[in-house]
C-alpha cells in the first residue's frame, strides 16, 4: 500500500442544534507513525528496538536525558502523526 507519512488528519463529526450548541458525535483518529510504517511493510519492531538501543547506548547524553528522550520517542511513535486529539468527547457551548 502506498502511503505518505502524514496520513489523513484526525476527523470529527460535529452536529449543531437550533441554539448553536454543538456535540462531537464521533472522532476518527489519524494513524500513528508506527502504523503508517507497518502499512509500508517496514519491520516496526526492528525500528523501535534500533532507536531505543541507540539512545540507551549513547555516551553523549546523561541517563536522565536518556529517560526523557525514550519517553518522547514512545509518544512520537505511538500517538497519531498528524494532529493530537483530545482524550474525551464532550458537549460544549
N, C-alpha and C. Protein backbone atom coordinates (compact mmCIF):
# COMPACT_ATOMS: atom_id res chain seq x y z
N UNK A 1 0.83 -1.17 0.00
CA UNK A 1 0.00 0.00 0.00
C UNK A 1 0.88 1.24 0.00
N UNK A 2 0.65 2.16 -0.90
CA UNK A 2 1.39 3.41 -0.94
C UNK A 2 0.82 4.36 0.10
N UNK A 3 1.68 5.08 0.75
CA UNK A 3 1.24 5.92 1.85
C UNK A 3 2.20 7.08 2.01
N UNK A 4 1.71 8.22 2.50
CA UNK A 4 2.63 9.25 2.92
C UNK A 4 2.66 9.26 4.43
N UNK A 5 3.69 9.80 5.01
CA UNK A 5 3.83 9.74 6.46
C UNK A 5 2.92 10.71 7.19
N UNK A 6 2.20 11.54 6.45
CA UNK A 6 1.29 12.46 7.11
C UNK A 6 -0.08 11.83 7.33
N UNK A 7 -0.44 10.81 6.59
CA UNK A 7 -1.71 10.11 6.69
C UNK A 7 -2.87 11.10 6.64
N UNK A 8 -4.05 10.65 6.89
CA UNK A 8 -5.19 11.56 6.89
C UNK A 8 -5.25 12.25 8.25
N UNK A 9 -5.78 13.47 8.31
CA UNK A 9 -5.88 14.13 9.61
C UNK A 9 -6.96 13.49 10.47
N UNK A 10 -6.91 13.77 11.74
CA UNK A 10 -7.98 13.33 12.62
C UNK A 10 -9.27 14.00 12.18
N UNK A 11 -10.35 13.24 12.16
CA UNK A 11 -11.63 13.76 11.71
C UNK A 11 -12.63 13.73 12.86
N UNK A 12 -13.54 14.71 12.85
CA UNK A 12 -14.60 14.76 13.85
C UNK A 12 -15.94 14.97 13.16
N UNK A 13 -16.97 14.30 13.66
CA UNK A 13 -18.34 14.51 13.19
C UNK A 13 -19.01 15.37 14.26
N UNK A 14 -19.43 16.57 13.86
CA UNK A 14 -20.00 17.53 14.79
C UNK A 14 -21.40 17.92 14.33
N UNK A 15 -22.34 17.94 15.26
CA UNK A 15 -23.70 18.39 14.93
C UNK A 15 -24.03 19.62 15.77
N UNK A 16 -24.86 20.49 15.21
CA UNK A 16 -25.30 21.71 15.89
C UNK A 16 -26.81 21.65 16.07
N UNK A 17 -27.28 22.14 17.23
CA UNK A 17 -28.72 22.24 17.41
C UNK A 17 -29.18 23.65 17.05
N UNK A 18 -30.47 23.91 17.18
CA UNK A 18 -31.03 25.22 16.78
C UNK A 18 -30.53 26.36 17.66
N UNK A 19 -29.96 26.06 18.81
CA UNK A 19 -29.44 27.09 19.72
C UNK A 19 -27.95 27.35 19.51
N UNK A 20 -27.35 26.67 18.55
CA UNK A 20 -25.93 26.85 18.29
C UNK A 20 -25.03 25.99 19.15
N UNK A 21 -25.62 25.18 20.00
CA UNK A 21 -24.85 24.25 20.82
C UNK A 21 -24.36 23.12 19.92
N UNK A 22 -23.14 22.64 20.16
CA UNK A 22 -22.64 21.56 19.31
C UNK A 22 -22.27 20.35 20.13
N UNK A 23 -22.27 19.22 19.45
CA UNK A 23 -21.91 17.95 20.06
C UNK A 23 -20.92 17.25 19.12
N UNK A 24 -19.81 16.81 19.67
CA UNK A 24 -18.86 15.99 18.91
C UNK A 24 -19.38 14.56 19.00
N UNK A 25 -19.90 14.06 17.89
CA UNK A 25 -20.53 12.74 17.89
C UNK A 25 -19.56 11.60 17.63
N UNK A 26 -18.55 11.86 16.87
CA UNK A 26 -17.62 10.79 16.52
C UNK A 26 -16.25 11.40 16.29
N UNK A 27 -15.21 10.68 16.65
CA UNK A 27 -13.84 11.13 16.45
C UNK A 27 -13.07 9.99 15.80
N UNK A 28 -12.51 10.24 14.64
CA UNK A 28 -11.75 9.23 13.90
C UNK A 28 -10.30 9.70 13.87
N UNK A 29 -9.47 9.05 14.68
CA UNK A 29 -8.09 9.48 14.81
C UNK A 29 -7.25 9.05 13.61
N UNK A 30 -6.24 9.86 13.32
CA UNK A 30 -5.27 9.53 12.28
C UNK A 30 -4.42 8.35 12.75
N UNK A 31 -3.75 7.69 11.83
CA UNK A 31 -2.86 6.59 12.20
C UNK A 31 -1.64 7.14 12.91
N UNK A 32 -1.05 6.33 13.79
CA UNK A 32 0.22 6.75 14.38
C UNK A 32 1.36 6.38 13.43
N UNK A 33 2.51 6.90 13.71
CA UNK A 33 3.65 6.73 12.82
C UNK A 33 4.03 5.26 12.62
N UNK A 34 3.99 4.47 13.69
CA UNK A 34 4.35 3.06 13.56
C UNK A 34 3.36 2.31 12.68
N UNK A 35 2.08 2.65 12.76
CA UNK A 35 1.08 2.01 11.89
C UNK A 35 1.32 2.36 10.43
N UNK A 36 1.69 3.61 10.16
CA UNK A 36 1.98 4.03 8.79
C UNK A 36 3.18 3.24 8.26
N UNK A 37 4.24 3.14 9.05
CA UNK A 37 5.42 2.39 8.62
C UNK A 37 5.09 0.91 8.43
N UNK A 38 4.25 0.37 9.29
CA UNK A 38 3.82 -1.02 9.15
C UNK A 38 3.05 -1.21 7.84
N UNK A 39 2.19 -0.25 7.49
CA UNK A 39 1.46 -0.31 6.22
C UNK A 39 2.40 -0.33 5.02
N UNK A 40 3.58 0.29 5.19
CA UNK A 40 4.58 0.33 4.12
C UNK A 40 5.51 -0.88 4.16
N UNK A 41 5.16 -1.86 4.99
CA UNK A 41 5.90 -3.12 5.14
C UNK A 41 7.29 -2.97 5.77
N UNK A 42 7.47 -1.93 6.59
CA UNK A 42 8.69 -1.84 7.39
C UNK A 42 8.51 -2.71 8.62
N UNK A 43 9.59 -3.26 9.12
CA UNK A 43 9.54 -4.04 10.35
C UNK A 43 9.63 -3.06 11.51
N UNK A 44 8.49 -2.71 12.06
CA UNK A 44 8.45 -1.68 13.10
C UNK A 44 9.11 -2.14 14.40
N UNK A 45 9.16 -3.44 14.65
CA UNK A 45 9.87 -3.93 15.84
C UNK A 45 11.35 -3.64 15.74
N UNK A 46 11.92 -3.82 14.57
CA UNK A 46 13.35 -3.55 14.37
C UNK A 46 13.61 -2.05 14.50
N UNK A 47 12.75 -1.23 13.92
CA UNK A 47 12.92 0.22 14.00
C UNK A 47 12.86 0.65 15.47
N UNK A 48 11.85 0.19 16.19
CA UNK A 48 11.67 0.55 17.59
C UNK A 48 12.89 0.14 18.42
N UNK A 49 13.32 -1.10 18.27
CA UNK A 49 14.46 -1.60 19.05
C UNK A 49 15.76 -0.87 18.70
N UNK A 50 15.96 -0.57 17.41
CA UNK A 50 17.18 0.12 16.99
C UNK A 50 17.24 1.54 17.56
N UNK A 51 16.13 2.25 17.51
CA UNK A 51 16.11 3.60 18.06
C UNK A 51 16.36 3.59 19.57
N UNK A 52 15.70 2.68 20.28
CA UNK A 52 15.89 2.59 21.72
C UNK A 52 17.33 2.21 22.07
N UNK A 53 17.90 1.27 21.33
CA UNK A 53 19.28 0.84 21.58
C UNK A 53 20.24 2.00 21.39
N UNK A 54 20.07 2.76 20.31
CA UNK A 54 20.97 3.89 20.04
C UNK A 54 20.92 4.91 21.17
N UNK A 55 19.73 5.16 21.68
CA UNK A 55 19.59 6.11 22.79
C UNK A 55 20.24 5.54 24.05
N UNK A 56 19.89 4.30 24.40
CA UNK A 56 20.40 3.69 25.63
C UNK A 56 21.91 3.55 25.64
N UNK A 57 22.52 3.31 24.49
CA UNK A 57 23.97 3.10 24.41
C UNK A 57 24.76 4.37 24.15
N UNK A 58 24.10 5.49 24.03
CA UNK A 58 24.78 6.74 23.73
C UNK A 58 25.68 7.19 24.89
N UNK A 59 26.87 7.66 24.55
CA UNK A 59 27.79 8.22 25.53
C UNK A 59 27.69 9.75 25.57
N UNK A 60 26.80 10.31 24.78
CA UNK A 60 26.74 11.77 24.62
C UNK A 60 25.67 12.44 25.48
N UNK A 61 24.81 11.65 26.11
CA UNK A 61 23.76 12.23 26.95
C UNK A 61 23.70 11.48 28.28
N UNK A 62 23.21 12.16 29.30
CA UNK A 62 23.13 11.58 30.64
C UNK A 62 21.99 10.57 30.71
N UNK A 63 21.98 9.79 31.79
CA UNK A 63 20.89 8.81 32.00
C UNK A 63 19.55 9.51 32.12
N UNK A 64 19.52 10.67 32.77
CA UNK A 64 18.27 11.42 32.89
C UNK A 64 17.77 11.87 31.51
N UNK A 65 18.70 12.35 30.67
CA UNK A 65 18.33 12.75 29.31
C UNK A 65 17.87 11.55 28.48
N UNK A 66 18.49 10.41 28.71
CA UNK A 66 18.08 9.19 28.01
C UNK A 66 16.65 8.82 28.36
N UNK A 67 16.32 8.85 29.66
CA UNK A 67 14.96 8.53 30.09
C UNK A 67 13.94 9.49 29.47
N UNK A 68 14.28 10.78 29.47
CA UNK A 68 13.38 11.78 28.89
C UNK A 68 13.21 11.55 27.39
N UNK A 69 14.30 11.26 26.71
CA UNK A 69 14.25 11.04 25.27
C UNK A 69 13.48 9.76 24.93
N UNK A 70 13.66 8.71 25.72
CA UNK A 70 12.91 7.47 25.48
C UNK A 70 11.41 7.70 25.67
N UNK A 71 11.05 8.53 26.65
CA UNK A 71 9.64 8.87 26.86
C UNK A 71 9.07 9.63 25.67
N UNK A 72 9.84 10.59 25.16
CA UNK A 72 9.39 11.35 23.98
C UNK A 72 9.28 10.44 22.77
N UNK A 73 10.25 9.54 22.60
CA UNK A 73 10.23 8.62 21.47
C UNK A 73 8.95 7.78 21.50
N UNK A 74 8.61 7.27 22.67
CA UNK A 74 7.38 6.48 22.80
C UNK A 74 6.17 7.30 22.35
N UNK A 75 6.08 8.54 22.83
CA UNK A 75 4.95 9.38 22.46
C UNK A 75 4.92 9.67 20.96
N UNK A 76 6.07 10.00 20.39
CA UNK A 76 6.11 10.33 18.96
C UNK A 76 5.74 9.15 18.08
N UNK A 77 6.12 7.96 18.50
CA UNK A 77 5.84 6.78 17.68
C UNK A 77 4.44 6.22 17.90
N UNK A 78 3.87 6.45 19.07
CA UNK A 78 2.59 5.82 19.36
C UNK A 78 1.38 6.74 19.22
N UNK A 79 1.59 8.05 19.25
CA UNK A 79 0.47 8.96 19.05
C UNK A 79 0.21 9.12 17.57
N UNK A 80 -0.98 9.61 17.24
CA UNK A 80 -1.26 9.81 15.83
C UNK A 80 -0.32 10.88 15.28
N UNK A 81 -0.02 10.77 14.02
CA UNK A 81 1.07 11.55 13.46
C UNK A 81 0.68 12.89 12.88
N UNK A 82 -0.59 13.20 12.81
CA UNK A 82 -0.97 14.44 12.15
C UNK A 82 -1.42 15.49 13.14
N UNK A 83 -2.48 15.24 13.84
CA UNK A 83 -2.99 16.17 14.83
C UNK A 83 -3.18 15.42 16.14
N UNK A 84 -2.84 16.05 17.22
CA UNK A 84 -3.09 15.44 18.51
C UNK A 84 -4.56 15.61 18.83
N UNK A 85 -5.19 14.58 19.35
CA UNK A 85 -6.62 14.66 19.62
C UNK A 85 -6.87 14.63 21.12
N UNK A 86 -8.04 15.06 21.48
CA UNK A 86 -8.42 15.06 22.89
C UNK A 86 -8.74 13.64 23.32
N UNK A 87 -8.67 13.40 24.60
CA UNK A 87 -8.94 12.06 25.11
C UNK A 87 -10.43 11.78 25.27
N UNK A 88 -11.21 12.80 25.51
CA UNK A 88 -12.64 12.59 25.74
C UNK A 88 -13.46 13.42 24.77
N UNK A 89 -14.58 12.87 24.38
CA UNK A 89 -15.52 13.60 23.55
C UNK A 89 -16.55 14.17 24.50
N UNK A 90 -16.74 15.49 24.45
CA UNK A 90 -17.71 16.07 25.36
C UNK A 90 -18.58 17.11 24.65
N UNK A 91 -19.59 17.54 25.33
CA UNK A 91 -20.51 18.55 24.79
C UNK A 91 -20.08 19.90 25.32
N UNK A 92 -19.99 20.89 24.43
CA UNK A 92 -19.56 22.23 24.83
C UNK A 92 -20.53 23.26 24.29
N UNK A 93 -20.50 24.44 24.89
CA UNK A 93 -21.33 25.56 24.40
C UNK A 93 -20.51 26.45 23.50
